[in-house]
Amino acid sequence: MKDDTKIDLGSVQVHKKVFAEIIASALKEVSGVKLIEKNIGNRLFEAFGKKEFPGIDVKVHDNHEVTLELKILVQYGINIPDVARQVQETVKSAIDKTLDVNLKDIHVNVQGIARGEK
């Protein structure tokens, strides 16, 4: 028997850059954390309107699960394991609110310590 309450209108595809935009916005909520710095090539792309996030890598597996790798800098004096867990929770919450995907893993890779600015 056919289910008349559901209408299939096709598929929805989300580009990896949408993930990056959501993640970058979510990371602004975490105090003492920022994505790794952009290099000259990334800045050049941005000058022509193409936004790049060198600290975010999105991998989609064959079973449609998504793995995220985030490369961040942590402010000097902040507990790294605590802030890494906070990054994972904040990003997971942001992705869950905006996209209907199965997150497999969120890997946080601390690339360095940021000194001076807060």
C-alpha atoms as a PDB file:
ATOM      1  CA  MET A   1       0.000   0.000   0.000  1.00  0.00           C
ATOM      2  CA  LYS A   2       1.270   3.444  -0.893  1.00  0.00           C
ATOM      3  CA  ASP A   3       1.739   6.022   1.880  1.00  0.00           C
ATOM      4  CA  ASP A   4      -0.066   9.177   0.690  1.00  0.00           C
ATOM      5  CA  THR A   5       1.110  11.296   3.649  1.00  0.00           C
ATOM      6  CA  LYS A   6       4.694  11.524   2.372  1.00  0.00           C
ATOM      7  CA  ILE A   7       5.632  13.313  -0.798  1.00  0.00           C
ATOM      8  CA  ASP A   8       9.111  12.766  -2.210  1.00  0.00           C
ATOM      9  CA  LEU A   9      10.189  15.916  -4.022  1.00  0.00           C
ATOM     10  CA  GLY A  10      13.740  14.787  -4.750  1.00  0.00           C
ATOM     11  CA  SER A  11      17.046  15.082  -2.956  1.00  0.00           C
ATOM     12  CA  VAL A  12      18.804  17.888  -1.153  1.00  0.00           C
ATOM     13  CA  GLN A  13      22.556  18.234  -1.466  1.00  0.00           C
ATOM     14  CA  VAL A  14      24.652  20.416   0.803  1.00  0.00           C
ATOM     15  CA  HIS A  15      28.087  21.575  -0.330  1.00  0.00           C
ATOM     16  CA  LYS A  16      31.043  21.069   1.998  1.00  0.00           C
ATOM     17  CA  LYS A  17      31.526  24.832   2.126  1.00  0.00           C
ATOM     18  CA  VAL A  18      28.154  25.136   3.847  1.00  0.00           C
ATOM     19  CA  PHE A  19      29.498  22.892   6.599  1.00  0.00           C
ATOM     20  CA  ALA A  20      32.564  25.128   6.823  1.00  0.00           C
ATOM     21  CA  GLU A  21      30.453  28.291   7.097  1.00  0.00           C
ATOM     22  CA  ILE A  22      28.330  26.774   9.880  1.00  0.00           C
ATOM     23  CA  ILE A  23      31.396  25.523  11.752  1.00  0.00           C
ATOM     24  CA  ALA A  24      33.248  28.844  11.438  1.00  0.00           C
ATOM     25  CA  SER A  25      30.211  30.687  12.813  1.00  0.00           C
ATOM     26  CA  ALA A  26      29.833  28.207  15.683  1.00  0.00           C
ATOM     27  CA  LEU A  27      33.507  28.534  16.656  1.00  0.00           C
ATOM     28  CA  LYS A  28      32.993  32.258  17.246  1.00  0.00           C
ATOM     29  CA  GLU A  29      30.883  31.259  20.265  1.00  0.00           C
ATOM     30  CA  VAL A  30      33.811  29.420  21.913  1.00  0.00           C
ATOM     31  CA  SER A  31      36.019  31.789  23.873  1.00  0.00           C
ATOM     32  CA  GLY A  32      39.773  31.512  23.329  1.00  0.00           C
ATOM     33  CA  VAL A  33      39.599  29.504  20.095  1.00  0.00           C
ATOM     34  CA  LYS A  34      40.119  30.416  16.461  1.00  0.00           C
ATOM     35  CA  LEU A  35      40.732  28.558  13.232  1.00  0.00           C
ATOM     36  CA  ILE A  36      44.284  28.398  11.924  1.00  0.00           C
ATOM     37  CA  GLU A  37      45.367  31.470  10.012  1.00  0.00           C
ATOM     38  CA  LYS A  38      44.736  31.832   6.318  1.00  0.00           C
ATOM     39  CA  ASN A  39      47.752  31.857   4.051  1.00  0.00           C
ATOM     40  CA  ILE A  40      48.326  34.252   1.159  1.00  0.00           C
ATOM     41  CA  GLY A  41      46.605  31.889  -1.293  1.00  0.00           C
ATOM     42  CA  ASN A  42      43.419  31.778   0.814  1.00  0.00           C
ATOM     43  CA  ARG A  43      43.424  35.571   1.107  1.00  0.00           C
ATOM     44  CA  LEU A  44      43.827  35.895  -2.647  1.00  0.00           C
ATOM     45  CA  PHE A  45      40.826  33.601  -3.232  1.00  0.00           C
ATOM     46  CA  GLU A  46      38.771  35.719  -0.821  1.00  0.00           C
ATOM     47  CA  ALA A  47      39.702  38.867  -2.748  1.00  0.00           C
ATOM     48  CA  PHE A  48      37.903  37.316  -5.722  1.00  0.00           C
ATOM     49  CA  GLY A  49      34.884  36.315  -3.658  1.00  0.00           C
ATOM     50  CA  LYS A  50      35.770  32.678  -2.962  1.00  0.00           C
ATOM     51  CA  LYS A  51      35.750  32.000   0.773  1.00  0.00           C
ATOM     52  CA  GLU A  52      38.207  29.409   2.055  1.00  0.00           C
ATOM     53  CA  PHE A  53      38.488  27.760   5.486  1.00  0.00           C
ATOM     54  CA  PRO A  54      41.915  26.120   5.730  1.00  0.00           C
ATOM     55  CA  GLY A  55      41.225  24.842   9.253  1.00  0.00           C
ATOM     56  CA  ILE A  56      38.140  22.827   8.333  1.00  0.00           C
ATOM     57  CA  ASP A  57      38.143  19.505   6.511  1.00  0.00           C
ATOM     58  CA  VAL A  58      34.844  17.749   5.766  1.00  0.00           C
ATOM     59  CA  LYS A  59      34.833  14.087   4.717  1.00  0.00           C
ATOM     60  CA  VAL A  60      31.690  12.271   3.588  1.00  0.00           C
ATOM     61  CA  HIS A  61      31.926   8.485   3.816  1.00  0.00           C
ATOM     62  CA  ASP A  62      30.229   5.966   1.526  1.00  0.00           C
ATOM     63  CA  ASN A  63      27.485   5.375   4.102  1.00  0.00           C
ATOM     64  CA  HIS A  64      26.750   9.157   4.137  1.00  0.00           C
ATOM     65  CA  GLU A  65      28.283   9.686   7.565  1.00  0.00           C
ATOM     66  CA  VAL A  66      30.313  12.862   7.968  1.00  0.00           C
ATOM     67  CA  THR A  67      33.671  13.298   9.691  1.00  0.00           C
ATOM     68  CA  LEU A  68      34.951  16.769  10.524  1.00  0.00           C
ATOM     69  CA  GLU A  69      38.537  17.744  11.240  1.00  0.00           C
ATOM     70  CA  LEU A  70      39.077  21.166  12.767  1.00  0.00           C
ATOM     71  CA  LYS A  71      42.511  22.760  13.047  1.00  0.00           C
ATOM     72  CA  ILE A  72      42.476  25.432  15.710  1.00  0.00           C
ATOM     73  CA  LEU A  73      44.635  27.748  17.770  1.00  0.00           C
ATOM     74  CA  VAL A  74      43.944  28.016  21.501  1.00  0.00           C
ATOM     75  CA  GLN A  75      44.560  31.130  23.581  1.00  0.00           C
ATOM     76  CA  TYR A  76      47.486  30.794  25.994  1.00  0.00           C
ATOM     77  CA  GLY A  77      46.373  29.785  29.499  1.00  0.00           C
ATOM     78  CA  ILE A  78      43.196  27.937  28.506  1.00  0.00           C
ATOM     79  CA  ASN A  79      42.783  24.250  29.362  1.00  0.00           C
ATOM     80  CA  ILE A  80      43.186  22.527  25.992  1.00  0.00           C
ATOM     81  CA  PRO A  81      41.204  19.294  26.634  1.00  0.00           C
ATOM     82  CA  ASP A  82      38.273  21.283  28.084  1.00  0.00           C
ATOM     83  CA  VAL A  83      38.144  23.764  25.220  1.00  0.00           C
ATOM     84  CA  ALA A  84      38.502  20.959  22.635  1.00  0.00           C
ATOM     85  CA  ARG A  85      35.456  19.202  24.114  1.00  0.00           C
ATOM     86  CA  GLN A  86      33.582  22.518  24.116  1.00  0.00           C
ATOM     87  CA  VAL A  87      34.463  22.963  20.427  1.00  0.00           C
ATOM     88  CA  GLN A  88      33.143  19.471  19.647  1.00  0.00           C
ATOM     89  CA  GLU A  89      29.876  20.096  21.520  1.00  0.00           C
ATOM     90  CA  THR A  90      29.332  23.539  19.988  1.00  0.00           C
ATOM     91  CA  VAL A  91      29.992  22.320  16.449  1.00  0.00           C
ATOM     92  CA  LYS A  92      27.800  19.230  16.915  1.00  0.00           C
ATOM     93  CA  SER A  93      24.958  21.392  18.215  1.00  0.00           C
ATOM     94  CA  ALA A  94      25.263  23.839  15.296  1.00  0.00           C
ATOM     95  CA  ILE A  95      25.332  21.048  12.703  1.00  0.00           C
ATOM     96  CA  ASP A  96      22.391  19.238  14.351  1.00  0.00           C
ATOM     97  CA  LYS A  97      20.314  22.458  14.327  1.00  0.00           C
ATOM     98  CA  THR A  98      20.935  23.292  10.687  1.00  0.00           C
ATOM     99  CA  LEU A  99      21.601  20.071   8.761  1.00  0.00           C
ATOM    100  CA  ASP A 100      20.121  16.599   8.790  1.00  0.00           C
ATOM    101  CA  VAL A 101      23.344  14.567   8.630  1.00  0.00           C
ATOM    102  CA  ASN A 102      24.920  11.725  10.576  1.00  0.00           C
ATOM    103  CA  LEU A 103      28.063  13.039  12.246  1.00  0.00           C
ATOM    104  CA  LYS A 104      30.500  10.191  12.744  1.00  0.00           C
ATOM    105  CA  ASP A 105      33.408  12.104  14.305  1.00  0.00           C
ATOM    106  CA  ILE A 106      34.552  15.616  15.107  1.00  0.00           C
ATOM    107  CA  HIS A 107      38.334  15.648  15.395  1.00  0.00           C
ATOM    108  CA  VAL A 108      39.870  18.733  17.003  1.00  0.00           C
ATOM    109  CA  ASN A 109      43.515  19.237  16.116  1.00  0.00           C
ATOM    110  CA  VAL A 110      45.184  21.963  18.205  1.00  0.00           C
ATOM    111  CA  GLN A 111      47.816  23.438  15.892  1.00  0.00           C
ATOM    112  CA  GLY A 112      49.258  26.005  18.278  1.00  0.00           C
ATOM    113  CA  ILE A 113      48.890  28.515  21.067  1.00  0.00           C
ATOM    114  CA  ALA A 114      47.791  32.087  20.358  1.00  0.00           C
ATOM    115  CA  ARG A 115      49.473  34.658  22.554  1.00  0.00           C
ATOM    116  CA  GLY A 116      48.713  38.276  23.232  1.00  0.00           C
ATOM    117  CA  GLU A 117      45.282  39.034  21.808  1.00  0.00           C
ATOM    118  CA  LYS A 118      42.104  37.832  23.502  1.00  0.00           C
END
